[in-house]
Protein backbone atom coordinates (compact mmCIF):
# COMPACT_ATOMS: atom_id res chain seq x y z
CA UNK A 1 207.78 89.33 32.59
CA UNK A 2 206.28 87.19 35.06
CA UNK A 3 209.22 85.37 35.03
CA UNK A 4 211.57 87.14 36.01
CA UNK A 5 209.17 88.66 39.23
CA UNK A 6 209.11 85.25 40.05
CA UNK A 7 212.85 85.65 40.61
CA UNK A 8 212.90 88.67 42.37
CA UNK A 9 210.08 87.57 45.27
CA UNK A 10 212.49 84.51 45.39
CA UNK A 11 215.18 86.35 46.03
CA UNK A 12 213.78 89.19 47.71
CA UNK A 13 212.66 86.02 50.24
CA UNK A 14 215.72 84.69 50.94
CA UNK A 15 216.65 88.32 51.66
CA UNK A 16 213.29 88.06 54.74
CA UNK A 17 211.86 90.83 52.90
CA UNK A 18 208.31 90.75 54.69
CA UNK A 19 207.53 93.66 51.73
CA UNK A 20 207.76 90.28 49.11
CA UNK A 21 205.62 87.82 50.90
CA UNK A 22 202.69 90.24 51.38
CA UNK A 23 202.21 90.79 47.82
CA UNK A 24 202.88 86.45 47.21
CA UNK A 25 199.56 86.11 49.62
CA UNK A 26 198.20 88.98 46.93
CA UNK A 27 198.29 87.90 44.09
CA UNK A 28 197.99 84.66 44.08
CA UNK A 29 195.45 84.11 47.72
CA UNK A 30 192.34 84.57 44.63
CA UNK A 31 192.95 81.31 43.13
CA UNK A 32 193.06 78.74 45.65
CA UNK A 33 189.85 80.96 47.49
CA UNK A 34 188.96 79.90 44.40
CA UNK A 35 190.10 76.06 44.71
CA UNK A 36 188.97 75.46 47.77
CA UNK A 37 185.07 76.73 46.94
CA UNK A 38 185.07 75.41 43.94
CA UNK A 39 185.92 72.08 46.06
CA UNK A 40 183.32 72.25 48.44
CA UNK A 41 185.51 74.33 50.85
CA UNK A 42 184.62 77.27 52.65
CA UNK A 43 186.98 80.74 52.75
CA UNK A 44 188.55 79.57 56.06
CA UNK A 45 189.47 76.44 54.94
CA UNK A 46 190.80 78.16 51.71
CA UNK A 47 192.86 81.32 54.02
CA UNK A 48 194.52 77.79 56.44
CA UNK A 49 195.04 75.86 53.28
CA UNK A 50 197.30 79.22 50.97
CA UNK A 51 198.83 79.74 54.51
CA UNK A 52 200.49 76.18 54.78
CA UNK A 53 201.23 76.28 50.73
CA UNK A 54 202.73 79.46 51.15
CA UNK A 55 204.64 78.25 54.24
CA UNK A 56 205.75 75.21 52.38
CA UNK A 57 206.97 77.23 49.48
CA UNK A 58 209.22 79.53 52.50
CA UNK A 59 211.13 76.89 53.51
CA UNK A 60 211.55 75.17 50.30
CA UNK A 61 213.19 79.25 48.73
CA UNK A 62 215.33 78.95 52.36
CA UNK A 63 217.03 75.42 51.32
CA UNK A 64 220.63 76.05 49.45
CA UNK A 65 219.69 74.22 46.99
CA UNK A 66 216.50 75.22 45.74
CA UNK A 67 216.14 76.36 42.61
CA UNK A 68 212.63 77.59 40.75
CA UNK A 69 211.72 75.38 37.85
CA UNK A 70 208.27 76.82 37.51
CA UNK A 71 205.78 79.97 38.09
CA UNK A 72 205.41 80.31 41.77
CA UNK A 73 201.61 80.67 41.12
CA UNK A 74 201.89 76.97 39.45
CA UNK A 75 203.90 75.86 42.46
CA UNK A 76 201.81 77.25 45.08
CA UNK A 77 198.75 76.21 43.25
CA UNK A 78 199.79 72.63 43.30
CA UNK A 79 201.12 72.60 47.06
CA UNK A 80 197.41 73.92 47.97
CA UNK A 81 195.74 71.49 45.47
CA UNK A 82 197.79 68.61 47.01
CA UNK A 83 196.54 69.79 50.45
CA UNK A 84 193.25 70.66 50.20
CA UNK A 85 192.54 66.75 48.55
CA UNK A 86 194.36 66.03 52.01
CA UNK A 87 191.75 67.23 54.22
């Protein structure tokens, strides 16, 4: 079920559907807040990190050759973690 949801979100983002982006934010944002705040960060920093991660995901989805090989949650977590570690 989750995989189907992820594929639907990717399809909707490719079609530039703002509702899909809002759903993405609402669904996975708490995970990133927990990641950042658990590692000496603030909620504002988490917000910035998540924004960068979603932008990276959005840009990748717009590429024609992009194929989702993991859950969106996993992708966003990995990108957010990487961005936070760089900071």
